[in-house]
Amino acid sequence: MQSQSIQTLLEAEKEAAKVVQQARQYRVQKLKEARTQATKEIEEYRKFKEEEFKAFEASHVGTTQSAQVAVDKDTEVKRAEISKAYSSHKDTVVKKLLDRVVLVNPELHRNLKKAE
């Protein structure tokens, strides 16, 4: 009777080990499936975001180009103004510089005291 009980316990233990092994295999299989599904979803999301970005980029390309054209025009206008100002004031500035260098008015320094 005791050996029969032991035999029953051993068979129950073997059956439990089989159930545990099947549960492990099921868990491993489900993890693989979850990874595969997650990878697939990530790839789909990445493709969606890339397409969204390309559409955004395409819609704003014209804006960037027109902004660049406007900046270029503004730069040319300012360069023309600077060139005009340079041309009109060049002679006056050169004359003032030469007058300062050539026309020296000698006078005593203000800190110099008269010797009595």
C-alpha atoms as a PDB file:
ATOM      1  CA  MET A   1       0.000   0.000   0.000  1.00  0.00           C
ATOM      2  CA  GLN A   2       2.870   2.320   0.859  1.00  0.00           C
ATOM      3  CA  SER A   3       4.683   1.604  -2.407  1.00  0.00           C
ATOM      4  CA  GLN A   4       1.451   2.265  -4.279  1.00  0.00           C
ATOM      5  CA  SER A   5       1.164   5.661  -2.571  1.00  0.00           C
ATOM      6  CA  ILE A   6       4.761   6.437  -3.429  1.00  0.00           C
ATOM      7  CA  GLN A   7       4.117   5.379  -7.027  1.00  0.00           C
ATOM      8  CA  THR A   8       1.055   7.640  -7.169  1.00  0.00           C
ATOM      9  CA  LEU A   9       3.069  10.525  -5.753  1.00  0.00           C
ATOM     10  CA  LEU A  10       5.852   9.966  -8.314  1.00  0.00           C
ATOM     11  CA  GLU A  11       3.331   9.915 -11.158  1.00  0.00           C
ATOM     12  CA  ALA A  12       1.704  13.106  -9.820  1.00  0.00           C
ATOM     13  CA  GLU A  13       5.139  14.698  -9.595  1.00  0.00           C
ATOM     14  CA  LYS A  14       5.905  13.700 -13.187  1.00  0.00           C
ATOM     15  CA  GLU A  15       2.550  15.083 -14.308  1.00  0.00           C
ATOM     16  CA  ALA A  16       3.206  18.341 -12.429  1.00  0.00           C
ATOM     17  CA  ALA A  17       6.664  18.600 -14.032  1.00  0.00           C
ATOM     18  CA  LYS A  18       5.030  18.145 -17.463  1.00  0.00           C
ATOM     19  CA  VAL A  19       2.498  20.867 -16.673  1.00  0.00           C
ATOM     20  CA  VAL A  20       5.263  23.232 -15.479  1.00  0.00           C
ATOM     21  CA  GLN A  21       7.322  22.469 -18.600  1.00  0.00           C
ATOM     22  CA  GLN A  22       4.321  23.152 -20.852  1.00  0.00           C
ATOM     23  CA  ALA A  23       3.655  26.419 -18.997  1.00  0.00           C
ATOM     24  CA  ARG A  24       7.280  27.487 -19.524  1.00  0.00           C
ATOM     25  CA  GLN A  25       7.116  26.639 -23.200  1.00  0.00           C
ATOM     26  CA  TYR A  26       3.823  28.525 -23.498  1.00  0.00           C
ATOM     27  CA  ARG A  27       5.363  31.555 -21.747  1.00  0.00           C
ATOM     28  CA  VAL A  28       8.437  31.496 -23.990  1.00  0.00           C
ATOM     29  CA  GLN A  29       6.229  31.227 -27.075  1.00  0.00           C
ATOM     30  CA  LYS A  30       4.038  34.119 -25.917  1.00  0.00           C
ATOM     31  CA  LEU A  31       7.116  36.276 -25.217  1.00  0.00           C
ATOM     32  CA  LYS A  32       8.422  35.580 -28.717  1.00  0.00           C
ATOM     33  CA  GLU A  33       5.060  36.449 -30.204  1.00  0.00           C
ATOM     34  CA  ALA A  34       4.886  39.651 -28.117  1.00  0.00           C
ATOM     35  CA  ARG A  35       8.382  40.681 -29.264  1.00  0.00           C
ATOM     36  CA  THR A  36       7.499  39.996 -32.875  1.00  0.00           C
ATOM     37  CA  GLN A  37       4.262  41.962 -32.556  1.00  0.00           C
ATOM     38  CA  ALA A  38       6.012  44.851 -30.773  1.00  0.00           C
ATOM     39  CA  THR A  39       8.710  44.982 -33.457  1.00  0.00           C
ATOM     40  CA  LYS A  40       6.046  45.016 -36.143  1.00  0.00           C
ATOM     41  CA  GLU A  41       4.119  47.823 -34.407  1.00  0.00           C
ATOM     42  CA  ILE A  42       7.306  49.837 -33.893  1.00  0.00           C
ATOM     43  CA  GLU A  43       8.194  49.499 -37.569  1.00  0.00           C
ATOM     44  CA  GLU A  44       4.693  50.542 -38.649  1.00  0.00           C
ATOM     45  CA  TYR A  45       4.788  53.551 -36.289  1.00  0.00           C
ATOM     46  CA  ARG A  46       8.244  54.543 -37.549  1.00  0.00           C
ATOM     47  CA  LYS A  47       7.057  54.359 -41.168  1.00  0.00           C
ATOM     48  CA  PHE A  48       3.985  56.422 -40.285  1.00  0.00           C
ATOM     49  CA  LYS A  49       6.090  59.095 -38.570  1.00  0.00           C
ATOM     50  CA  GLU A  50       8.564  59.182 -41.466  1.00  0.00           C
ATOM     51  CA  GLU A  51       5.732  59.733 -43.934  1.00  0.00           C
ATOM     52  CA  GLU A  52       4.254  62.400 -41.672  1.00  0.00           C
ATOM     53  CA  PHE A  53       7.630  64.153 -41.459  1.00  0.00           C
ATOM     54  CA  LYS A  54       8.133  63.956 -45.229  1.00  0.00           C
ATOM     55  CA  ALA A  55       4.697  65.499 -45.764  1.00  0.00           C
ATOM     56  CA  PHE A  56       5.476  68.250 -43.248  1.00  0.00           C
ATOM     57  CA  GLU A  57       8.843  68.863 -44.857  1.00  0.00           C
ATOM     58  CA  ALA A  58       7.326  68.994 -48.337  1.00  0.00           C
ATOM     59  CA  SER A  59       4.672  71.476 -47.215  1.00  0.00           C
ATOM     60  CA  HIS A  60       7.291  73.769 -45.670  1.00  0.00           C
ATOM     61  CA  VAL A  61       9.917  73.633 -48.406  1.00  0.00           C
ATOM     62  CA  GLY A  62       8.250  76.478 -50.274  1.00  0.00           C
ATOM     63  CA  THR A  63       8.109  78.545 -47.100  1.00  0.00           C
ATOM     64  CA  THR A  64      11.820  78.074 -46.483  1.00  0.00           C
ATOM     65  CA  GLN A  65      12.727  78.967 -50.040  1.00  0.00           C
ATOM     66  CA  SER A  66      10.536  82.067 -50.049  1.00  0.00           C
ATOM     67  CA  ALA A  67      12.018  83.138 -46.713  1.00  0.00           C
ATOM     68  CA  GLN A  68      15.505  82.702 -48.146  1.00  0.00           C
ATOM     69  CA  VAL A  69      14.583  84.796 -51.185  1.00  0.00           C
ATOM     70  CA  ALA A  70      13.174  87.535 -48.928  1.00  0.00           C
ATOM     71  CA  VAL A  71      16.331  87.534 -46.789  1.00  0.00           C
ATOM     72  CA  ASP A  72      18.512  87.719 -49.917  1.00  0.00           C
ATOM     73  CA  LYS A  73      16.527  90.682 -51.262  1.00  0.00           C
ATOM     74  CA  ASP A  74      16.718  92.472 -47.919  1.00  0.00           C
ATOM     75  CA  THR A  75      20.463  91.859 -47.770  1.00  0.00           C
ATOM     76  CA  GLU A  76      20.959  93.292 -51.248  1.00  0.00           C
ATOM     77  CA  VAL A  77      18.936  96.400 -50.355  1.00  0.00           C
ATOM     78  CA  LYS A  78      21.001  96.963 -47.204  1.00  0.00           C
ATOM     79  CA  ARG A  79      24.274  96.421 -49.087  1.00  0.00           C
ATOM     80  CA  ALA A  80      23.177  98.986 -51.673  1.00  0.00           C
ATOM     81  CA  GLU A  81      22.328 101.488 -48.899  1.00  0.00           C
ATOM     82  CA  ILE A  82      25.712 100.956 -47.256  1.00  0.00           C
ATOM     83  CA  SER A  83      27.530 101.359 -50.578  1.00  0.00           C
ATOM     84  CA  LYS A  84      25.584 104.555 -51.284  1.00  0.00           C
ATOM     85  CA  ALA A  85      26.357 105.962 -47.825  1.00  0.00           C
ATOM     86  CA  TYR A  86      30.022 105.051 -48.277  1.00  0.00           C
ATOM     87  CA  SER A  87      30.195 106.757 -51.656  1.00  0.00           C
ATOM     88  CA  SER A  88      28.480 109.929 -50.471  1.00  0.00           C
ATOM     89  CA  HIS A  89      30.482 110.322 -47.232  1.00  0.00           C
ATOM     90  CA  LYS A  90      33.875 109.035 -48.346  1.00  0.00           C
ATOM     91  CA  ASP A  91      35.315 112.411 -49.398  1.00  0.00           C
ATOM     92  CA  THR A  92      34.090 114.182 -46.273  1.00  0.00           C
ATOM     93  CA  VAL A  93      35.562 111.578 -43.950  1.00  0.00           C
ATOM     94  CA  VAL A  94      38.930 111.560 -45.753  1.00  0.00           C
ATOM     95  CA  LYS A  95      39.047 115.378 -45.597  1.00  0.00           C
ATOM     96  CA  LYS A  96      38.288 115.375 -41.858  1.00  0.00           C
ATOM     97  CA  LEU A  97      40.976 112.776 -41.207  1.00  0.00           C
ATOM     98  CA  LEU A  98      43.559 114.701 -43.212  1.00  0.00           C
ATOM     99  CA  ASP A  99      42.648 117.969 -41.483  1.00  0.00           C
ATOM    100  CA  ARG A 100      43.150 116.342 -38.078  1.00  0.00           C
ATOM    101  CA  VAL A 101      46.527 114.923 -39.090  1.00  0.00           C
ATOM    102  CA  VAL A 102      47.924 117.813 -41.163  1.00  0.00           C
ATOM    103  CA  LEU A 103      46.444 120.898 -39.561  1.00  0.00           C
ATOM    104  CA  VAL A 104      47.980 120.848 -36.106  1.00  0.00           C
ATOM    105  CA  ASN A 105      47.367 123.799 -33.816  1.00  0.00           C
ATOM    106  CA  PRO A 106      50.269 123.814 -31.360  1.00  0.00           C
ATOM    107  CA  GLU A 107      49.314 124.788 -27.837  1.00  0.00           C
ATOM    108  CA  LEU A 108      50.575 124.087 -24.388  1.00  0.00           C
ATOM    109  CA  HIS A 109      49.172 121.145 -22.506  1.00  0.00           C
ATOM    110  CA  ARG A 110      46.560 122.120 -19.975  1.00  0.00           C
ATOM    111  CA  ASN A 111      48.519 120.507 -17.118  1.00  0.00           C
ATOM    112  CA  LEU A 112      51.661 122.491 -17.869  1.00  0.00           C
ATOM    113  CA  LYS A 113      52.207 125.256 -15.347  1.00  0.00           C
ATOM    114  CA  LYS A 114      53.882 128.508 -16.278  1.00  0.00           C
ATOM    115  CA  ALA A 115      57.339 128.900 -14.840  1.00  0.00           C
ATOM    116  CA  GLU A 116      57.526 132.202 -12.920  1.00  0.00           C
END
